[in-house]
mmCIF file of all heavy atoms, coordinates in Angstrom:
data_MODEL
# 
_entry.id   MODEL 
# 
loop_
_atom_site.group_PDB 
_atom_site.id 
_atom_site.type_symbol 
_atom_site.label_atom_id 
_atom_site.label_alt_id 
_atom_site.label_comp_id 
_atom_site.label_asym_id 
_atom_site.label_entity_id 
_atom_site.label_seq_id 
_atom_site.pdbx_PDB_ins_code 
_atom_site.Cartn_x 
_atom_site.Cartn_y 
_atom_site.Cartn_z 
_atom_site.occupancy 
_atom_site.B_iso_or_equiv 
_atom_site.pdbx_formal_charge 
_atom_site.auth_seq_id 
_atom_site.auth_comp_id 
_atom_site.auth_asym_id 
_atom_site.auth_atom_id 
_atom_site.pdbx_PDB_model_num 
ATOM 1   N N   . GLY A 1 1  ? 95.712  160.529 195.316 1.00 0.00 ? 1  GLY A N   1 
ATOM 2   C CA  . GLY A 1 1  ? 94.311  160.130 195.382 1.00 0.00 ? 1  GLY A CA  1 
ATOM 3   C C   . GLY A 1 1  ? 93.834  159.484 194.100 1.00 0.00 ? 1  GLY A C   1 
ATOM 4   O O   . GLY A 1 1  ? 92.708  158.996 194.037 1.00 0.00 ? 1  GLY A O   1 
ATOM 5   N N   . ILE A 1 2  ? 94.677  159.512 193.060 1.00 0.00 ? 2  ILE A N   1 
ATOM 6   C CA  . ILE A 1 2  ? 94.361  158.792 191.831 1.00 0.00 ? 2  ILE A CA  1 
ATOM 7   C C   . ILE A 1 2  ? 95.529  157.857 191.530 1.00 0.00 ? 2  ILE A C   1 
ATOM 8   O O   . ILE A 1 2  ? 96.676  158.129 191.909 1.00 0.00 ? 2  ILE A O   1 
ATOM 9   C CB  . ILE A 1 2  ? 94.095  159.737 190.640 1.00 0.00 ? 2  ILE A CB  1 
ATOM 10  C CG1 . ILE A 1 2  ? 95.326  160.588 190.330 1.00 0.00 ? 2  ILE A CG1 1 
ATOM 11  C CG2 . ILE A 1 2  ? 92.900  160.614 190.898 1.00 0.00 ? 2  ILE A CG2 1 
ATOM 12  C CD1 . ILE A 1 2  ? 95.179  161.389 189.063 1.00 0.00 ? 2  ILE A CD1 1 
ATOM 13  N N   . PRO A 1 3  ? 95.265  156.734 190.850 1.00 0.00 ? 3  PRO A N   1 
ATOM 14  C CA  . PRO A 1 3  ? 96.337  155.767 190.578 1.00 0.00 ? 3  PRO A CA  1 
ATOM 15  C C   . PRO A 1 3  ? 97.215  156.221 189.417 1.00 0.00 ? 3  PRO A C   1 
ATOM 16  O O   . PRO A 1 3  ? 96.720  156.457 188.309 1.00 0.00 ? 3  PRO A O   1 
ATOM 17  C CB  . PRO A 1 3  ? 95.566  154.490 190.226 1.00 0.00 ? 3  PRO A CB  1 
ATOM 18  C CG  . PRO A 1 3  ? 94.259  154.977 189.684 1.00 0.00 ? 3  PRO A CG  1 
ATOM 19  C CD  . PRO A 1 3  ? 93.940  156.253 190.412 1.00 0.00 ? 3  PRO A CD  1 
ATOM 20  N N   . ILE A 1 4  ? 98.504  156.357 189.672 1.00 0.00 ? 4  ILE A N   1 
ATOM 21  C CA  . ILE A 1 4  ? 99.445  156.842 188.672 1.00 0.00 ? 4  ILE A CA  1 
ATOM 22  C C   . ILE A 1 4  ? 100.551 155.809 188.483 1.00 0.00 ? 4  ILE A C   1 
ATOM 23  O O   . ILE A 1 4  ? 101.049 155.225 189.446 1.00 0.00 ? 4  ILE A O   1 
ATOM 24  C CB  . ILE A 1 4  ? 100.041 158.203 189.086 1.00 0.00 ? 4  ILE A CB  1 
ATOM 25  C CG1 . ILE A 1 4  ? 98.937  159.268 189.151 1.00 0.00 ? 4  ILE A CG1 1 
ATOM 26  C CG2 . ILE A 1 4  ? 101.140 158.641 188.118 1.00 0.00 ? 4  ILE A CG2 1 
ATOM 27  C CD1 . ILE A 1 4  ? 99.412  160.611 189.678 1.00 0.00 ? 4  ILE A CD1 1 
ATOM 28  N N   . LEU A 1 5  ? 100.937 155.601 187.235 1.00 0.00 ? 5  LEU A N   1 
ATOM 29  C CA  . LEU A 1 5  ? 102.048 154.721 186.879 1.00 0.00 ? 5  LEU A CA  1 
ATOM 30  C C   . LEU A 1 5  ? 103.121 155.566 186.201 1.00 0.00 ? 5  LEU A C   1 
ATOM 31  O O   . LEU A 1 5  ? 102.849 156.249 185.200 1.00 0.00 ? 5  LEU A O   1 
ATOM 32  C CB  . LEU A 1 5  ? 101.565 153.618 185.929 1.00 0.00 ? 5  LEU A CB  1 
ATOM 33  C CG  . LEU A 1 5  ? 102.633 152.724 185.295 1.00 0.00 ? 5  LEU A CG  1 
ATOM 34  C CD1 . LEU A 1 5  ? 103.412 151.951 186.360 1.00 0.00 ? 5  LEU A CD1 1 
ATOM 35  C CD2 . LEU A 1 5  ? 102.004 151.779 184.276 1.00 0.00 ? 5  LEU A CD2 1 
ATOM 36  N N   . LEU A 1 6  ? 104.335 155.536 186.735 1.00 0.00 ? 6  LEU A N   1 
ATOM 37  C CA  . LEU A 1 6  ? 105.476 156.233 186.162 1.00 0.00 ? 6  LEU A CA  1 
ATOM 38  C C   . LEU A 1 6  ? 106.391 155.201 185.509 1.00 0.00 ? 6  LEU A C   1 
ATOM 39  O O   . LEU A 1 6  ? 106.698 154.165 186.120 1.00 0.00 ? 6  LEU A O   1 
ATOM 40  C CB  . LEU A 1 6  ? 106.249 156.993 187.241 1.00 0.00 ? 6  LEU A CB  1 
ATOM 41  C CG  . LEU A 1 6  ? 105.441 157.905 188.168 1.00 0.00 ? 6  LEU A CG  1 
ATOM 42  C CD1 . LEU A 1 6  ? 106.358 158.546 189.204 1.00 0.00 ? 6  LEU A CD1 1 
ATOM 43  C CD2 . LEU A 1 6  ? 104.694 158.966 187.383 1.00 0.00 ? 6  LEU A CD2 1 
ATOM 44  N N   . THR A 1 7  ? 106.838 155.467 184.285 1.00 0.00 ? 7  THR A N   1 
ATOM 45  C CA  . THR A 1 7  ? 107.673 154.503 183.575 1.00 0.00 ? 7  THR A CA  1 
ATOM 46  C C   . THR A 1 7  ? 108.844 155.192 182.885 1.00 0.00 ? 7  THR A C   1 
ATOM 47  O O   . THR A 1 7  ? 108.817 156.398 182.626 1.00 0.00 ? 7  THR A O   1 
ATOM 48  C CB  . THR A 1 7  ? 106.871 153.745 182.496 1.00 0.00 ? 7  THR A CB  1 
ATOM 49  O OG1 . THR A 1 7  ? 106.599 154.627 181.394 1.00 0.00 ? 7  THR A OG1 1 
ATOM 50  C CG2 . THR A 1 7  ? 105.559 153.201 183.041 1.00 0.00 ? 7  THR A CG2 1 
ATOM 51  N N   . ARG A 1 8  ? 109.869 154.370 182.577 1.00 0.00 ? 8  ARG A N   1 
ATOM 52  C CA  . ARG A 1 8  ? 110.964 154.811 181.711 1.00 0.00 ? 8  ARG A CA  1 
ATOM 53  C C   . ARG A 1 8  ? 111.046 153.807 180.564 1.00 0.00 ? 8  ARG A C   1 
ATOM 54  O O   . ARG A 1 8  ? 111.257 152.606 180.801 1.00 0.00 ? 8  ARG A O   1 
ATOM 55  C CB  . ARG A 1 8  ? 112.288 154.878 182.478 1.00 0.00 ? 8  ARG A CB  1 
ATOM 56  C CG  . ARG A 1 8  ? 113.384 155.584 181.683 1.00 0.00 ? 8  ARG A CG  1 
ATOM 57  C CD  . ARG A 1 8  ? 114.659 155.800 182.495 1.00 0.00 ? 8  ARG A CD  1 
ATOM 58  N NE  . ARG A 1 8  ? 114.497 156.622 183.668 1.00 0.00 ? 8  ARG A NE  1 
ATOM 59  C CZ  . ARG A 1 8  ? 114.353 157.940 183.674 1.00 0.00 ? 8  ARG A CZ  1 
ATOM 60  N NH1 . ARG A 1 8  ? 114.326 158.606 182.528 1.00 0.00 ? 8  ARG A NH1 1 
ATOM 61  N NH2 . ARG A 1 8  ? 114.236 158.601 184.808 1.00 0.00 ? 8  ARG A NH2 1 
ATOM 62  N N   . ASP A 1 9  ? 110.864 154.270 179.345 1.00 0.00 ? 9  ASP A N   1 
ATOM 63  C CA  . ASP A 1 9  ? 110.782 153.351 178.217 1.00 0.00 ? 9  ASP A CA  1 
ATOM 64  C C   . ASP A 1 9  ? 112.168 152.900 177.753 1.00 0.00 ? 9  ASP A C   1 
ATOM 65  O O   . ASP A 1 9  ? 113.203 153.264 178.342 1.00 0.00 ? 9  ASP A O   1 
ATOM 66  C CB  . ASP A 1 9  ? 109.957 153.956 177.082 1.00 0.00 ? 9  ASP A CB  1 
ATOM 67  C CG  . ASP A 1 9  ? 110.641 155.160 176.419 1.00 0.00 ? 9  ASP A CG  1 
ATOM 68  O OD1 . ASP A 1 9  ? 111.884 155.291 176.486 1.00 0.00 ? 9  ASP A OD1 1 
ATOM 69  O OD2 . ASP A 1 9  ? 109.912 155.983 175.814 1.00 0.00 ? 9  ASP A OD2 1 
ATOM 70  N N   . LYS A 1 10 ? 112.195 152.108 176.681 1.00 0.00 ? 10 LYS A N   1 
ATOM 71  C CA  . LYS A 1 10 ? 113.452 151.531 176.200 1.00 0.00 ? 10 LYS A CA  1 
ATOM 72  C C   . LYS A 1 10 ? 114.447 152.592 175.767 1.00 0.00 ? 10 LYS A C   1 
ATOM 73  O O   . LYS A 1 10 ? 115.657 152.370 175.781 1.00 0.00 ? 10 LYS A O   1 
ATOM 74  C CB  . LYS A 1 10 ? 113.171 150.586 175.030 1.00 0.00 ? 10 LYS A CB  1 
ATOM 75  C CG  . LYS A 1 10 ? 112.423 149.321 175.417 1.00 0.00 ? 10 LYS A CG  1 
ATOM 76  C CD  . LYS A 1 10 ? 112.174 148.448 174.196 1.00 0.00 ? 10 LYS A CD  1 
ATOM 77  C CE  . LYS A 1 10 ? 111.418 147.184 174.579 1.00 0.00 ? 10 LYS A CE  1 
ATOM 78  N NZ  . LYS A 1 10 ? 111.143 146.313 173.388 1.00 0.00 ? 10 LYS A NZ  1 
ATOM 79  N N   . GLN A 1 11 ? 113.956 153.744 175.356 1.00 0.00 ? 11 GLN A N   1 
ATOM 80  C CA  . GLN A 1 11 ? 114.829 154.853 174.935 1.00 0.00 ? 11 GLN A CA  1 
ATOM 81  C C   . GLN A 1 11 ? 115.216 155.756 176.106 1.00 0.00 ? 11 GLN A C   1 
ATOM 82  O O   . GLN A 1 11 ? 115.900 156.757 175.925 1.00 0.00 ? 11 GLN A O   1 
ATOM 83  C CB  . GLN A 1 11 ? 114.140 155.685 173.852 1.00 0.00 ? 11 GLN A CB  1 
ATOM 84  C CG  . GLN A 1 11 ? 114.135 155.023 172.474 1.00 0.00 ? 11 GLN A CG  1 
ATOM 85  C CD  . GLN A 1 11 ? 113.240 153.800 172.414 1.00 0.00 ? 11 GLN A CD  1 
ATOM 86  O OE1 . GLN A 1 11 ? 112.094 153.824 172.887 1.00 0.00 ? 11 GLN A OE1 1 
ATOM 87  N NE2 . GLN A 1 11 ? 113.751 152.720 171.847 1.00 0.00 ? 11 GLN A NE2 1 
ATOM 88  N N   . GLY A 1 12 ? 114.758 155.413 177.305 1.00 0.00 ? 12 GLY A N   1 
ATOM 89  C CA  . GLY A 1 12 ? 115.094 156.203 178.485 1.00 0.00 ? 12 GLY A CA  1 
ATOM 90  C C   . GLY A 1 12 ? 114.170 157.362 178.751 1.00 0.00 ? 12 GLY A C   1 
ATOM 91  O O   . GLY A 1 12 ? 114.425 158.163 179.661 1.00 0.00 ? 12 GLY A O   1 
ATOM 92  N N   . GLU A 1 13 ? 113.071 157.474 177.997 1.00 0.00 ? 13 GLU A N   1 
ATOM 93  C CA  . GLU A 1 13 ? 112.142 158.590 178.172 1.00 0.00 ? 13 GLU A CA  1 
ATOM 94  C C   . GLU A 1 13 ? 111.183 158.313 179.322 1.00 0.00 ? 13 GLU A C   1 
ATOM 95  O O   . GLU A 1 13 ? 110.735 157.184 179.535 1.00 0.00 ? 13 GLU A O   1 
ATOM 96  C CB  . GLU A 1 13 ? 111.348 158.828 176.886 1.00 0.00 ? 13 GLU A CB  1 
ATOM 97  C CG  . GLU A 1 13 ? 112.189 159.296 175.713 1.00 0.00 ? 13 GLU A CG  1 
ATOM 98  C CD  . GLU A 1 13 ? 112.840 160.641 175.960 1.00 0.00 ? 13 GLU A CD  1 
ATOM 99  O OE1 . GLU A 1 13 ? 112.135 161.550 176.469 1.00 0.00 ? 13 GLU A OE1 1 
ATOM 100 O OE2 . GLU A 1 13 ? 114.040 160.789 175.666 1.00 0.00 ? 13 GLU A OE2 1 
ATOM 101 N N   . PHE A 1 14 ? 110.852 159.374 180.037 1.00 0.00 ? 14 PHE A N   1 
ATOM 102 C CA  . PHE A 1 14 ? 109.946 159.312 181.189 1.00 0.00 ? 14 PHE A CA  1 
ATOM 103 C C   . PHE A 1 14 ? 108.504 159.503 180.734 1.00 0.00 ? 14 PHE A C   1 
ATOM 104 O O   . PHE A 1 14 ? 108.217 160.359 179.902 1.00 0.00 ? 14 PHE A O   1 
ATOM 105 C CB  . PHE A 1 14 ? 110.339 160.392 182.192 1.00 0.00 ? 14 PHE A CB  1 
ATOM 106 C CG  . PHE A 1 14 ? 109.327 160.663 183.264 1.00 0.00 ? 14 PHE A CG  1 
ATOM 107 C CD1 . PHE A 1 14 ? 108.880 159.650 184.100 1.00 0.00 ? 14 PHE A CD1 1 
ATOM 108 C CD2 . PHE A 1 14 ? 108.822 161.948 183.460 1.00 0.00 ? 14 PHE A CD2 1 
ATOM 109 C CE1 . PHE A 1 14 ? 107.944 159.902 185.095 1.00 0.00 ? 14 PHE A CE1 1 
ATOM 110 C CE2 . PHE A 1 14 ? 107.893 162.213 184.451 1.00 0.00 ? 14 PHE A CE2 1 
ATOM 111 C CZ  . PHE A 1 14 ? 107.449 161.179 185.267 1.00 0.00 ? 14 PHE A CZ  1 
ATOM 112 N N   . HIS A 1 15 ? 107.596 158.690 181.298 1.00 0.00 ? 15 HIS A N   1 
ATOM 113 C CA  . HIS A 1 15 ? 106.170 158.790 181.006 1.00 0.00 ? 15 HIS A CA  1 
ATOM 114 C C   . HIS A 1 15 ? 105.374 158.659 182.296 1.00 0.00 ? 15 HIS A C   1 
ATOM 115 O O   . HIS A 1 15 ? 105.827 158.057 183.272 1.00 0.00 ? 15 HIS A O   1 
ATOM 116 C CB  . HIS A 1 15 ? 105.716 157.676 180.050 1.00 0.00 ? 15 HIS A CB  1 
ATOM 117 C CG  . HIS A 1 15 ? 106.468 157.605 178.771 1.00 0.00 ? 15 HIS A CG  1 
ATOM 118 N ND1 . HIS A 1 15 ? 106.100 158.317 177.650 1.00 0.00 ? 15 HIS A ND1 1 
ATOM 119 C CD2 . HIS A 1 15 ? 107.571 156.902 178.423 1.00 0.00 ? 15 HIS A CD2 1 
ATOM 120 C CE1 . HIS A 1 15 ? 106.936 158.048 176.663 1.00 0.00 ? 15 HIS A CE1 1 
ATOM 121 N NE2 . HIS A 1 15 ? 107.846 157.193 177.105 1.00 0.00 ? 15 HIS A NE2 1 
ATOM 122 N N   . ALA A 1 16 ? 104.160 159.195 182.272 1.00 0.00 ? 16 ALA A N   1 
ATOM 123 C CA  . ALA A 1 16 ? 103.212 159.006 183.380 1.00 0.00 ? 16 ALA A CA  1 
ATOM 124 C C   . ALA A 1 16 ? 101.853 158.679 182.790 1.00 0.00 ? 16 ALA A C   1 
ATOM 125 O O   . ALA A 1 16 ? 101.435 159.258 181.773 1.00 0.00 ? 16 ALA A O   1 
ATOM 126 C CB  . ALA A 1 16 ? 103.128 160.258 184.245 1.00 0.00 ? 16 ALA A CB  1 
ATOM 127 N N   . PHE A 1 17 ? 101.154 157.735 183.430 1.00 0.00 ? 17 PHE A N   1 
ATOM 128 C CA  . PHE A 1 17 ? 99.842  157.283 182.958 1.00 0.00 ? 17 PHE A CA  1 
ATOM 129 C C   . PHE A 1 17 ? 98.922  157.085 184.151 1.00 0.00 ? 17 PHE A C   1 
ATOM 130 O O   . PHE A 1 17 ? 99.386  156.902 185.297 1.00 0.00 ? 17 PHE A O   1 
ATOM 131 C CB  . PHE A 1 17 ? 99.951  155.938 182.221 1.00 0.00 ? 17 PHE A CB  1 
ATOM 132 C CG  . PHE A 1 17 ? 100.952 155.911 181.119 1.00 0.00 ? 17 PHE A CG  1 
ATOM 133 C CD1 . PHE A 1 17 ? 102.225 155.397 181.334 1.00 0.00 ? 17 PHE A CD1 1 
ATOM 134 C CD2 . PHE A 1 17 ? 100.638 156.403 179.863 1.00 0.00 ? 17 PHE A CD2 1 
ATOM 135 C CE1 . PHE A 1 17 ? 103.165 155.366 180.321 1.00 0.00 ? 17 PHE A CE1 1 
ATOM 136 C CE2 . PHE A 1 17 ? 101.573 156.382 178.840 1.00 0.00 ? 17 PHE A CE2 1 
ATOM 137 C CZ  . PHE A 1 17 ? 102.837 155.865 179.071 1.00 0.00 ? 17 PHE A CZ  1 
ATOM 138 N N   . LEU A 1 18 ? 97.642  157.081 183.894 1.00 0.00 ? 18 LEU A N   1 
ATOM 139 C CA  . LEU A 1 18 ? 96.721  156.558 184.879 1.00 0.00 ? 18 LEU A CA  1 
ATOM 140 C C   . LEU A 1 18 ? 96.895  155.041 184.923 1.00 0.00 ? 18 LEU A C   1 
ATOM 141 O O   . LEU A 1 18 ? 96.937  154.372 183.881 1.00 0.00 ? 18 LEU A O   1 
ATOM 142 C CB  . LEU A 1 18 ? 95.280  156.932 184.524 1.00 0.00 ? 18 LEU A CB  1 
ATOM 143 C CG  . LEU A 1 18 ? 94.956  158.420 184.602 1.00 0.00 ? 18 LEU A CG  1 
ATOM 144 C CD1 . LEU A 1 18 ? 93.522  158.681 184.157 1.00 0.00 ? 18 LEU A CD1 1 
ATOM 145 C CD2 . LEU A 1 18 ? 95.180  158.956 186.012 1.00 0.00 ? 18 LEU A CD2 1 
ATOM 146 N N   . ASN A 1 19 ? 97.027  154.515 186.109 1.00 0.00 ? 19 ASN A N   1 
ATOM 147 C CA  . ASN A 1 19 ? 97.270  153.084 186.314 1.00 0.00 ? 19 ASN A CA  1 
ATOM 148 C C   . ASN A 1 19 ? 95.936  152.340 186.247 1.00 0.00 ? 19 ASN A C   1 
ATOM 149 O O   . ASN A 1 19 ? 95.467  151.746 187.212 1.00 0.00 ? 19 ASN A O   1 
ATOM 150 C CB  . ASN A 1 19 ? 97.955  152.878 187.664 1.00 0.00 ? 19 ASN A CB  1 
ATOM 151 C CG  . ASN A 1 19 ? 98.397  151.449 187.900 1.00 0.00 ? 19 ASN A CG  1 
ATOM 152 O OD1 . ASN A 1 19 ? 98.439  150.638 186.981 1.00 0.00 ? 19 ASN A OD1 1 
ATOM 153 N ND2 . ASN A 1 19 ? 98.714  151.138 189.150 1.00 0.00 ? 19 ASN A ND2 1 
ATOM 154 N N   . VAL A 1 20 ? 95.337  152.388 185.066 1.00 0.00 ? 20 VAL A N   1 
ATOM 155 C CA  . VAL A 1 20 ? 93.974  151.886 184.867 1.00 0.00 ? 20 VAL A CA  1 
ATOM 156 C C   . VAL A 1 20 ? 93.894  151.181 183.511 1.00 0.00 ? 20 VAL A C   1 
ATOM 157 O O   . VAL A 1 20 ? 94.119  151.811 182.470 1.00 0.00 ? 20 VAL A O   1 
ATOM 158 C CB  . VAL A 1 20 ? 92.949  153.038 184.910 1.00 0.00 ? 20 VAL A CB  1 
ATOM 159 C CG1 . VAL A 1 20 ? 91.545  152.535 184.607 1.00 0.00 ? 20 VAL A CG1 1 
ATOM 160 C CG2 . VAL A 1 20 ? 92.988  153.740 186.265 1.00 0.00 ? 20 VAL A CG2 1 
ATOM 161 N N   . CYS A 1 21 ? 93.559  149.901 183.511 1.00 0.00 ? 21 CYS A N   1 
ATOM 162 C CA  . CYS A 1 21 ? 93.381  149.167 182.265 1.00 0.00 ? 21 CYS A CA  1 
ATOM 163 C C   . CYS A 1 21 ? 92.196  149.745 181.492 1.00 0.00 ? 21 CYS A C   1 
ATOM 164 O O   . CYS A 1 21 ? 91.129  150.002 182.069 1.00 0.00 ? 21 CYS A O   1 
ATOM 165 C CB  . CYS A 1 21 ? 93.153  147.685 182.553 1.00 0.00 ? 21 CYS A CB  1 
ATOM 166 S SG  . CYS A 1 21 ? 92.894  146.687 181.066 1.00 0.00 ? 21 CYS A SG  1 
ATOM 167 N N   . ARG A 1 22 ? 92.353  149.897 180.182 1.00 0.00 ? 22 ARG A N   1 
ATOM 168 C CA  . ARG A 1 22 ? 91.315  150.513 179.376 1.00 0.00 ? 22 ARG A CA  1 
ATOM 169 C C   . ARG A 1 22 ? 90.191  149.540 179.017 1.00 0.00 ? 22 ARG A C   1 
ATOM 170 O O   . ARG A 1 22 ? 89.236  149.915 178.357 1.00 0.00 ? 22 ARG A O   1 
ATOM 171 C CB  . ARG A 1 22 ? 91.941  151.080 178.088 1.00 0.00 ? 22 ARG A CB  1 
ATOM 172 C CG  . ARG A 1 22 ? 92.913  152.239 178.342 1.00 0.00 ? 22 ARG A CG  1 
ATOM 173 C CD  . ARG A 1 22 ? 92.211  153.479 178.867 1.00 0.00 ? 22 ARG A CD  1 
ATOM 174 N NE  . ARG A 1 22 ? 91.123  153.864 177.999 1.00 0.00 ? 22 ARG A NE  1 
ATOM 175 C CZ  . ARG A 1 22 ? 91.270  154.493 176.831 1.00 0.00 ? 22 ARG A CZ  1 
ATOM 176 N NH1 . ARG A 1 22 ? 92.483  154.796 176.392 1.00 0.00 ? 22 ARG A NH1 1 
ATOM 177 N NH2 . ARG A 1 22 ? 90.227  154.809 176.107 1.00 0.00 ? 22 ARG A NH2 1 
ATOM 178 N N   . HIS A 1 23 ? 90.271  148.285 179.484 1.00 0.00 ? 23 HIS A N   1 
ATOM 179 C CA  . HIS A 1 23 ? 89.207  147.312 179.247 1.00 0.00 ? 23 HIS A CA  1 
ATOM 180 C C   . HIS A 1 23 ? 88.143  147.418 180.320 1.00 0.00 ? 23 HIS A C   1 
ATOM 181 O O   . HIS A 1 23 ? 87.039  147.886 180.081 1.00 0.00 ? 23 HIS A O   1 
ATOM 182 C CB  . HIS A 1 23 ? 89.815  145.898 179.194 1.00 0.00 ? 23 HIS A CB  1 
ATOM 183 C CG  . HIS A 1 23 ? 88.815  144.793 179.099 1.00 0.00 ? 23 HIS A CG  1 
ATOM 184 N ND1 . HIS A 1 23 ? 89.006  143.575 179.724 1.00 0.00 ? 23 HIS A ND1 1 
ATOM 185 C CD2 . HIS A 1 23 ? 87.616  144.705 178.473 1.00 0.00 ? 23 HIS A CD2 1 
ATOM 186 C CE1 . HIS A 1 23 ? 87.968  142.788 179.463 1.00 0.00 ? 23 HIS A CE1 1 
ATOM 187 N NE2 . HIS A 1 23 ? 87.112  143.458 178.715 1.00 0.00 ? 23 HIS A NE2 1 
ATOM 188 N N   . ARG A 1 24 ? 88.506  147.025 181.542 1.00 0.00 ? 24 ARG A N   1 
ATOM 189 C CA  . ARG A 1 24 ? 87.525  147.024 182.636 1.00 0.00 ? 24 ARG A CA  1 
ATOM 190 C C   . ARG A 1 24 ? 87.983  147.835 183.851 1.00 0.00 ? 24 ARG A C   1 
ATOM 191 O O   . ARG A 1 24 ? 87.337  147.788 184.897 1.00 0.00 ? 24 ARG A O   1 
ATOM 192 C CB  . ARG A 1 24 ? 87.233  145.579 183.040 1.00 0.00 ? 24 ARG A CB  1 
ATOM 193 C CG  . ARG A 1 24 ? 86.613  144.725 181.928 1.00 0.00 ? 24 ARG A CG  1 
ATOM 194 C CD  . ARG A 1 24 ? 85.122  144.921 181.849 1.00 0.00 ? 24 ARG A CD  1 
ATOM 195 N NE  . ARG A 1 24 ? 84.471  144.363 183.036 1.00 0.00 ? 24 ARG A NE  1 
ATOM 196 C CZ  . ARG A 1 24 ? 84.196  143.064 183.203 1.00 0.00 ? 24 ARG A CZ  1 
ATOM 197 N NH1 . ARG A 1 24 ? 84.510  142.186 182.262 1.00 0.00 ? 24 ARG A NH1 1 
ATOM 198 N NH2 . ARG A 1 24 ? 83.586  142.643 184.302 1.00 0.00 ? 24 ARG A NH2 1 
ATOM 199 N N   . GLY A 1 25 ? 89.113  148.541 183.725 1.00 0.00 ? 25 GLY A N   1 
ATOM 200 C CA  . GLY A 1 25 ? 89.498  149.484 184.769 1.00 0.00 ? 25 GLY A CA  1 
ATOM 201 C C   . GLY A 1 25 ? 90.382  148.952 185.867 1.00 0.00 ? 25 GLY A C   1 
ATOM 202 O O   . GLY A 1 25 ? 90.637  149.662 186.843 1.00 0.00 ? 25 GLY A O   1 
ATOM 203 N N   . SER A 1 26 ? 90.896  147.744 185.756 1.00 0.00 ? 26 SER A N   1 
ATOM 204 C CA  . SER A 1 26 ? 91.776  147.213 186.784 1.00 0.00 ? 26 SER A CA  1 
ATOM 205 C C   . SER A 1 26 ? 93.129  147.920 186.774 1.00 0.00 ? 26 SER A C   1 
ATOM 206 O O   . SER A 1 26 ? 93.546  148.477 185.756 1.00 0.00 ? 26 SER A O   1 
ATOM 207 C CB  . SER A 1 26 ? 91.978  145.707 186.568 1.00 0.00 ? 26 SER A CB  1 
ATOM 208 O OG  . SER A 1 26 ? 92.837  145.161 187.536 1.00 0.00 ? 26 SER A OG  1 
ATOM 209 N N   . ARG A 1 27 ? 93.830  147.872 187.892 1.00 0.00 ? 27 ARG A N   1 
ATOM 210 C CA  . ARG A 1 27 ? 95.197  148.372 187.955 1.00 0.00 ? 27 ARG A CA  1 
ATOM 211 C C   . ARG A 1 27 ? 96.110  147.435 187.159 1.00 0.00 ? 27 ARG A C   1 
ATOM 212 O O   . ARG A 1 27 ? 95.984  146.208 187.252 1.00 0.00 ? 27 ARG A O   1 
ATOM 213 C CB  . ARG A 1 27 ? 95.673  148.458 189.402 1.00 0.00 ? 27 ARG A CB  1 
ATOM 214 C CG  . ARG A 1 27 ? 94.923  149.500 190.227 1.00 0.00 ? 27 ARG A CG  1 
ATOM 215 C CD  . ARG A 1 27 ? 95.179  149.305 191.716 1.00 0.00 ? 27 ARG A CD  1 
ATOM 216 N NE  . ARG A 1 27 ? 96.569  149.522 192.083 1.00 0.00 ? 27 ARG A NE  1 
ATOM 217 C CZ  . ARG A 1 27 ? 97.096  150.700 192.451 1.00 0.00 ? 27 ARG A CZ  1 
ATOM 218 N NH1 . ARG A 1 27 ? 96.311  151.790 192.485 1.00 0.00 ? 27 ARG A NH1 1 
ATOM 219 N NH2 . ARG A 1 27 ? 98.365  150.810 192.784 1.00 0.00 ? 27 ARG A NH2 1 
# 
């Protein structure tokens, strides 16, 4: 029910973020 972005960075580490731009809130 909320927009989530899952990523794996260059070092192979797992991250999760809200899929929301911090400027105006776009995905």
